[in-house]
Protein backbone atom coordinates (compact mmCIF):
# COMPACT_ATOMS: atom_id res chain seq x y z
CA MET A 1 15.11 24.72 13.23
CA LYS A 2 16.46 25.46 9.76
CA THR A 3 16.49 21.77 8.95
CA LEU A 4 12.84 21.47 9.97
CA VAL A 5 11.90 24.41 7.76
CA ARG A 6 13.68 22.79 4.82
CA ALA A 7 11.80 19.54 5.42
CA LEU A 8 8.44 21.34 5.51
CA ILE A 9 9.28 23.23 2.31
CA LEU A 10 10.04 19.90 0.61
CA ILE A 11 6.71 18.47 1.75
CA SER A 12 4.84 21.58 0.59
CA ALA A 13 6.48 21.35 -2.82
CA CYS A 14 5.47 17.71 -3.20
CA VAL A 15 1.88 18.45 -2.18
CA GLY A 16 1.70 21.16 -4.81
CA VAL A 17 2.70 18.90 -7.70
CA LYS A 18 0.00 17.45 -9.93
CA VAL A 19 1.04 16.17 -13.33
CA PHE A 20 -1.06 13.10 -13.98
CA ALA A 21 -4.85 12.85 -14.27
CA LEU A 22 -6.86 9.64 -13.90
CA GLU A 23 -10.25 8.81 -15.34
CA PRO A 24 -12.82 8.90 -12.48
CA VAL A 25 -13.87 5.41 -11.39
CA SER A 26 -16.28 5.39 -8.44
CA ALA A 27 -17.26 1.71 -8.16
CA ILE A 28 -13.87 0.44 -6.94
CA PRO A 29 -10.95 1.83 -4.93
CA ASN A 30 -8.30 3.78 -6.79
CA MET A 31 -5.51 1.22 -6.96
CA PHE A 32 -2.96 3.89 -7.88
CA TYR A 33 -3.25 5.38 -4.39
CA GLN A 34 -2.62 2.15 -2.55
CA VAL A 35 0.49 1.56 -0.49
CA PRO A 36 3.52 0.41 -2.55
CA PHE A 37 3.28 -2.96 -0.85
CA LEU A 38 6.22 -5.34 -0.53
CA SER A 39 4.62 -7.88 1.83
CA ILE A 40 1.28 -9.13 3.13
CA GLU A 41 1.81 -6.96 6.21
CA ASP A 42 1.71 -3.85 4.00
CA VAL A 43 -1.50 -5.05 2.32
CA VAL A 44 -3.26 -5.78 5.62
CA LEU A 45 -2.27 -2.45 7.15
CA GLY A 46 -3.10 -0.43 4.06
CA GLU A 47 -2.48 3.29 4.63
CA GLY A 48 -2.10 2.46 8.32
CA CYS A 49 1.44 1.24 7.64
CA TYR A 50 2.53 4.89 7.29
CA SER A 51 1.84 5.34 11.02
CA LEU A 52 3.11 2.01 12.37
CA LYS A 53 6.79 1.20 12.53
CA ALA A 54 7.57 -1.97 10.59
CA GLY A 55 8.36 -5.21 12.33
CA ALA A 56 11.37 -7.46 11.86
CA HIS A 57 12.21 -8.31 8.24
CA HIS A 58 9.86 -5.61 6.89
CA LEU A 59 10.54 -2.12 5.53
CA ASP A 60 8.90 1.01 6.94
CA CYS A 61 6.33 2.65 4.67
CA ASN A 62 7.09 6.02 6.28
CA PRO A 63 10.82 6.43 5.56
CA ALA A 64 11.37 8.59 8.65
CA PHE A 65 10.92 5.45 10.79
CA LEU A 66 14.19 4.12 9.32
CA HIS A 67 16.07 6.64 11.46
CA GLY A 68 17.73 4.94 14.39
CA ASN A 69 17.66 1.46 12.86
CA GLN A 70 20.79 -0.58 13.49
CA HIS A 71 20.00 -3.58 11.39
CA ARG A 72 21.40 -4.83 8.11
CA GLU A 73 19.82 -7.50 5.95
CA VAL A 74 19.02 -8.68 2.46
CA ARG A 75 15.52 -10.02 1.86
CA ALA A 76 13.96 -11.70 -1.16
CA ASN A 77 10.21 -12.00 -0.80
CA ILE A 78 7.14 -13.05 -2.75
CA PHE A 79 3.48 -13.12 -1.78
CA ILE A 80 0.47 -14.32 -3.70
CA ASP A 81 -3.29 -14.00 -3.47
CA LYS A 82 -5.60 -17.03 -3.43
CA ARG A 83 -6.66 -15.85 -6.91
CA VAL A 84 -3.05 -16.04 -8.13
CA GLY A 85 -3.84 -18.02 -11.30
CA ASP A 86 -6.57 -15.66 -12.38
CA LEU A 87 -4.48 -12.62 -11.48
CA VAL A 88 -1.43 -13.79 -13.45
CA ASP A 89 -3.64 -14.61 -16.44
CA SER A 90 -5.16 -11.11 -16.36
CA GLY A 91 -1.67 -9.60 -16.11
CA GLU A 92 -0.53 -11.55 -19.17
CA LYS A 93 -3.59 -10.40 -21.14
CA LEU A 94 -2.78 -6.84 -20.14
CA SER A 95 0.82 -7.22 -21.34
CA ASP A 96 -0.34 -8.74 -24.65
CA ASP A 97 -3.09 -6.11 -25.19
CA ASP A 98 -5.60 -8.97 -25.33
CA TYR A 99 -8.69 -6.82 -24.72
CA ALA A 100 -11.18 -9.39 -26.00
CA GLY A 101 -9.80 -12.17 -23.82
CA LEU A 102 -9.82 -9.93 -20.73
CA ILE A 103 -13.37 -8.61 -21.22
CA ASN A 104 -14.79 -12.04 -22.11
CA LYS A 105 -13.29 -13.42 -18.91
CA LEU A 106 -14.62 -10.64 -16.65
CA ALA A 107 -18.03 -10.01 -18.24
CA PRO A 108 -19.86 -13.03 -16.71
CA ARG A 109 -18.80 -12.07 -13.19
CA HIS A 110 -21.15 -10.24 -10.89
CA GLU A 111 -19.19 -10.20 -7.66
CA ALA A 112 -16.77 -7.44 -6.73
CA SER A 113 -13.23 -8.69 -6.31
CA ALA A 114 -9.72 -7.44 -5.59
CA ALA A 115 -6.36 -9.20 -5.63
CA ARG A 116 -2.65 -8.43 -5.41
CA LEU A 117 0.73 -10.09 -5.69
CA ALA A 118 4.32 -8.91 -5.62
CA GLY A 119 7.88 -10.17 -5.73
CA SER A 120 10.62 -7.99 -4.28
CA LEU A 121 14.28 -7.84 -3.30
CA TRP A 122 15.79 -5.26 -0.98
CA TYR A 123 18.87 -4.46 1.08
CA ARG A 124 18.58 -2.50 4.31
CA HIS A 125 21.66 -0.84 5.81
CA ASP A 126 20.72 0.74 9.13
CA TRP A 127 18.96 4.02 8.24
CA TRP A 128 18.59 3.46 4.47
CA ALA A 129 17.34 0.76 2.12
CA ILE A 130 17.39 0.11 -1.59
CA GLY A 131 15.21 -2.36 -3.43
CA TYR A 132 13.69 -3.63 -6.64
CA VAL A 133 10.20 -4.96 -7.37
CA PRO A 134 10.31 -6.81 -10.71
CA LEU A 135 6.57 -7.50 -10.65
CA ARG A 136 3.63 -6.07 -8.75
CA LEU A 137 0.05 -6.76 -9.86
CA LYS A 138 -3.01 -4.90 -8.55
CA TYR A 139 -6.53 -5.76 -9.62
CA ALA A 140 -10.06 -4.67 -8.71
CA SER A 141 -13.30 -5.07 -10.67
CA ASN A 142 -17.00 -4.55 -10.08
CA ILE A 143 -20.16 -4.58 -12.21
CA GLN A 144 -22.96 -2.17 -11.28
CA ASN A 145 -26.58 -1.72 -12.33
CA PRO A 146 -27.93 -5.06 -13.69
CA ALA A 147 -30.36 -3.24 -16.03
CA TYR A 148 -27.59 -1.44 -17.87
CA PRO A 149 -24.38 -2.84 -16.38
CA GLN A 150 -21.30 -0.70 -15.92
CA MET A 151 -17.93 -2.42 -15.55
CA ALA A 152 -15.37 -0.75 -13.30
CA LEU A 153 -11.90 -2.17 -13.81
CA SER A 154 -8.49 -1.27 -12.43
CA LEU A 155 -5.67 -3.60 -13.49
CA ILE A 156 -2.09 -2.44 -12.98
CA ARG A 157 1.14 -4.27 -13.80
CA GLU A 158 4.23 -2.45 -12.57
CA SER A 159 7.88 -2.70 -11.63
CA GLU A 160 9.64 -0.41 -9.17
CA LEU A 161 13.12 0.67 -8.12
CA PHE A 162 13.24 2.49 -4.78
CA LEU A 163 15.51 4.10 -2.21
CA ARG A 164 14.28 4.89 1.31
CA ALA A 165 16.22 6.78 3.97
CA GLY A 166 15.55 8.43 7.32
CA VAL A 167 17.67 10.84 9.40
CA GLY A 168 17.38 12.66 12.72
CA PHE A 169 18.13 16.25 13.78
CA GLU A 170 20.60 17.12 16.53
CA ASP A 171 18.96 20.49 17.26
CA ILE A 172 15.44 18.96 17.55
CA PRO A 173 15.56 15.74 19.61
CA GLY A 174 12.81 13.30 18.69
CA LEU A 175 12.29 14.63 15.17
CA ALA A 176 13.16 12.48 12.16
CA ALA A 177 12.64 13.04 8.44
CA GLY A 178 12.85 10.64 5.55
CA VAL A 179 12.27 10.30 1.86
CA ASN A 180 11.10 7.49 -0.41
CA LEU A 181 12.47 7.84 -3.94
CA ARG A 182 10.55 5.65 -6.39
CA TYR A 183 10.88 4.96 -10.09
CA LEU A 184 7.81 3.17 -11.48
CA SER A 185 7.11 1.61 -14.85
CA GLN A 186 3.40 0.82 -15.25
CA LYS A 187 1.00 -0.64 -17.77
CA TYR A 188 -2.64 -0.44 -16.79
CA ILE A 189 -6.36 -0.28 -17.52
CA HIS A 190 -8.30 2.04 -15.22
CA GLN A 191 -11.83 2.95 -16.31
CA GLN A 192 -15.57 2.53 -15.85
CA THR A 193 -17.51 1.74 -19.06
CA ALA A 194 -20.85 0.28 -20.12
CA LEU A 195 -20.43 -3.51 -20.24
CA PHE A 196 -22.42 -3.96 -23.47
CA ASP A 197 -20.15 -1.44 -25.18
CA LEU A 198 -17.06 -3.34 -23.99
CA ILE A 199 -18.45 -6.67 -25.23
CA SER A 200 -19.20 -5.23 -28.67
CA ASP A 201 -15.87 -3.41 -28.85
CA PRO A 202 -13.26 -4.81 -26.39
CA SER A 203 -10.71 -2.24 -27.55
CA LEU A 204 -12.61 0.32 -25.47
CA ALA A 205 -10.74 -1.21 -22.53
CA ARG A 206 -7.84 1.10 -23.22
CA THR A 207 -4.36 0.01 -22.17
CA ARG A 208 -2.05 2.81 -21.14
CA SER A 209 1.54 3.06 -19.96
CA ARG A 210 3.49 5.53 -17.91
CA GLU A 211 6.85 5.93 -16.20
CA VAL A 212 7.01 7.93 -12.99
CA PHE A 213 9.72 9.25 -10.69
CA SER A 214 8.19 10.03 -7.32
CA VAL A 215 9.57 11.80 -4.23
CA GLU A 216 7.59 10.95 -1.09
CA PRO A 217 8.76 12.65 2.14
CA GLY A 218 7.86 11.68 5.69
CA LEU A 219 8.24 13.05 9.22
CA THR A 220 8.01 11.49 12.68
CA TYR A 221 8.24 13.01 16.14
CA THR A 222 8.89 10.75 19.13
CA PHE A 223 8.04 11.81 22.68
CA ALA A 224 11.01 10.03 24.20
CA ASN A 225 10.26 10.92 27.83
CA ASP A 226 6.85 9.24 27.80
CA THR A 227 6.85 5.61 28.95
CA TRP A 228 4.40 4.67 26.16
CA LYS A 229 6.83 6.07 23.52
CA PRO A 230 4.17 7.90 21.47
CA VAL A 231 5.06 8.87 17.91
CA MET A 232 3.32 11.38 15.63
CA SER A 233 3.84 10.82 11.90
CA LEU A 234 3.20 12.53 8.58
CA THR A 235 3.76 11.18 5.07
CA VAL A 236 3.09 12.67 1.63
CA THR A 237 2.40 10.07 -1.04
CA HIS A 238 1.84 9.94 -4.81
CA PRO A 239 2.81 13.57 -5.58
CA GLU A 240 2.31 12.90 -9.30
CA LEU A 241 -1.43 12.43 -8.63
CA ASN A 242 -3.56 14.44 -6.25
CA PRO A 243 -1.03 14.03 -3.41
CA GLY A 244 -2.07 11.92 -0.46
CA VAL A 245 -1.38 13.20 3.06
CA GLU A 246 -1.20 10.46 5.69
CA VAL A 247 -1.11 11.36 9.41
CA GLY A 248 -1.08 9.13 12.46
CA PHE A 249 -0.26 8.53 16.09
CA SER A 250 1.29 5.35 17.50
CA SER A 251 2.30 4.18 20.95
CA THR A 252 3.80 1.21 22.77
CA PRO A 253 1.67 0.44 25.86
CA GLU A 254 3.86 -0.06 28.89
CA PHE A 255 1.88 -3.04 30.18
CA ALA A 256 2.79 -5.09 27.07
CA HIS A 257 6.54 -4.81 27.78
CA GLY A 258 7.32 -3.48 24.33
CA ARG A 259 5.65 -6.33 22.45
CA LEU A 260 2.55 -4.37 21.35
CA VAL A 261 2.49 -1.29 19.11
CA THR A 262 -0.81 0.38 18.17
CA ALA A 263 -1.57 3.21 15.76
CA THR A 264 -4.49 5.42 14.80
CA HIS A 265 -4.29 6.68 11.22
CA TYR A 266 -6.13 9.21 9.07
CA SER A 267 -5.85 9.72 5.30
CA VAL A 268 -6.44 13.45 4.86
CA ASN A 269 -7.43 13.59 1.20
CA ALA A 270 -7.98 10.04 0.01
CA PRO A 271 -9.87 10.33 -3.31
CA GLY A 272 -13.50 9.30 -3.44
CA VAL A 273 -13.54 8.06 0.14
CA HIS A 274 -16.14 8.95 2.77
CA PRO A 275 -14.49 10.80 5.71
CA PHE A 276 -15.28 8.00 8.15
CA LYS A 277 -13.52 5.51 5.85
CA ARG A 278 -10.30 7.48 6.18
CA PHE A 279 -9.75 6.42 9.79
CA ARG A 280 -7.91 3.20 10.51
CA TRP A 281 -6.70 1.45 13.65
CA SER A 282 -3.72 -0.87 13.40
CA GLY A 283 -1.61 -2.92 15.75
CA ARG A 284 1.28 -5.37 15.90
CA TYR A 285 2.05 -7.87 18.64
CA ASP A 286 5.46 -9.57 18.61
CA PHE A 287 5.29 -12.82 20.55
CA ASP A 288 9.06 -13.17 20.23
CA ASN A 289 11.66 -12.57 17.55
CA HIS A 290 10.13 -15.33 15.41
CA LEU A 291 6.36 -14.74 15.43
CA ALA A 292 4.27 -11.58 14.91
CA LEU A 293 0.55 -10.83 14.57
CA VAL A 294 -0.64 -7.73 12.67
CA ALA A 295 -4.23 -6.50 12.52
CA SER A 296 -5.97 -3.49 10.96
CA VAL A 297 -9.56 -2.27 11.22
CA GLY A 298 -11.30 0.51 9.31
CA LYS A 299 -14.84 1.20 8.15
CA GLY A 300 -15.48 -1.49 5.54
CA ASP A 301 -11.88 -2.71 5.62
CA TYR A 302 -10.23 -5.14 8.02
CA GLY A 303 -7.64 -7.89 8.03
CA ALA A 304 -4.93 -9.73 9.93
CA SER A 305 -1.64 -11.46 9.19
CA LEU A 306 0.59 -13.90 11.02
CA SER A 307 4.25 -14.14 10.08
CA THR A 308 7.16 -16.19 11.35
CA ALA A 309 10.90 -16.46 10.80
CA ILE A 310 12.76 -19.75 11.00
CA ASP A 311 16.48 -19.12 10.57
CA SER A 312 16.69 -17.48 7.13
CA LEU A 313 13.21 -18.54 6.02
CA THR A 314 10.24 -16.18 6.48
CA LEU A 315 6.63 -17.32 6.06
CA GLY A 316 3.29 -15.58 6.41
CA VAL A 317 -0.45 -15.91 5.90
CA ALA A 318 -3.07 -13.16 5.86
CA TYR A 319 -6.81 -12.53 5.55
CA LYS A 320 -8.30 -9.31 4.19
CA ASN A 321 -11.87 -8.11 3.67
CA GLU A 322 -12.33 -4.78 1.93
CA GLU A 323 -15.21 -2.69 0.70
CA LEU A 324 -14.95 -2.02 -3.03
CA ASP A 325 -18.05 -0.14 -4.16
CA TYR A 326 -17.80 3.41 -2.80
CA ALA A 327 -20.61 4.73 -4.97
CA ARG A 328 -23.52 2.91 -3.32
CA LEU A 329 -25.18 2.94 0.09
CA HIS A 330 -25.02 -0.86 0.33
CA SER A 331 -21.56 -1.54 -0.98
CA LYS A 332 -19.96 -4.79 -2.10
CA SER A 333 -16.99 -6.38 -0.40
CA SER A 334 -14.20 -8.68 -1.45
CA GLU A 335 -12.40 -11.11 0.83
CA THR A 336 -9.24 -13.04 0.17
CA TYR A 337 -6.35 -14.98 1.68
CA MET A 338 -2.69 -14.31 0.95
CA PHE A 339 0.43 -16.39 1.41
CA GLU A 340 4.03 -15.25 1.67
CA GLY A 341 7.50 -16.76 1.60
CA GLY A 342 10.96 -15.24 1.62
CA LEU A 343 14.62 -15.55 2.48
CA THR A 344 16.54 -13.20 4.76
CA PHE A 345 20.33 -12.93 4.99
């Protein structure tokens, strides 16, 4: 029981931390709060990945799920969005502080759009994993109000070094706790500004930088005696912001012979999100050890991915449609395709 109390104290301390304030941007999702994705599976699941144990060749978003793993591997992975050329170009303009080039490129657009890409390398050793993300790009933009247009833009270029670990408790069977230690280096633009002002003075698109060390704890409790193997989960994320609290319930239906895992997830305090948008249903079906289908459905957000492993080669493709404009009754959506390739040893 003492170990459980210590874990809850750690979570309470992380929830109470708030050291970084963001400019309010209502017309697009807050990209800072998104899952620290390593693969297309993470992107499709979104926050739902905190409640669903990861499949083969993927890392658990909730570190407590790492407890009990008996698997060791090295994986190098990269995934790209169908807008990869445009995304890389925007990332280069961000790195070069080319405000004029970035605004002139985005100003003629009227559709809402979002895109992501990442390259990563990690080593998993049973119950712990260490990894490095040399490049992760996150982008979302939207232009509101044609009469006096407002441009909402979130463009983040980051690198990350992380350590994830999960352990169990002898005195409380079924309980596991974990921690995700993350060091982030970010350069970003995150703001909502009148478009005419940006065109006349592109430097208003302010570039900022920050370095963050983040401690994100997680808990899971498995009801081992139930044939459906239900698991309750809790994860605290982004303690340097207004901390996110992610809770969920997953199970493995007996009729699927262990191939299907489903999860219902709720983001307790997701910023600027309608309560009904905080619910998400996710599932994974493993056809065999070489092919897996992942799907996720939420209000205004849905997607699916199909991944396969052929010897050491891993490949995947995904589709995602997400609602971007949270400030309006009739919101705008962005859809995209993603492609993934990697090597596993």
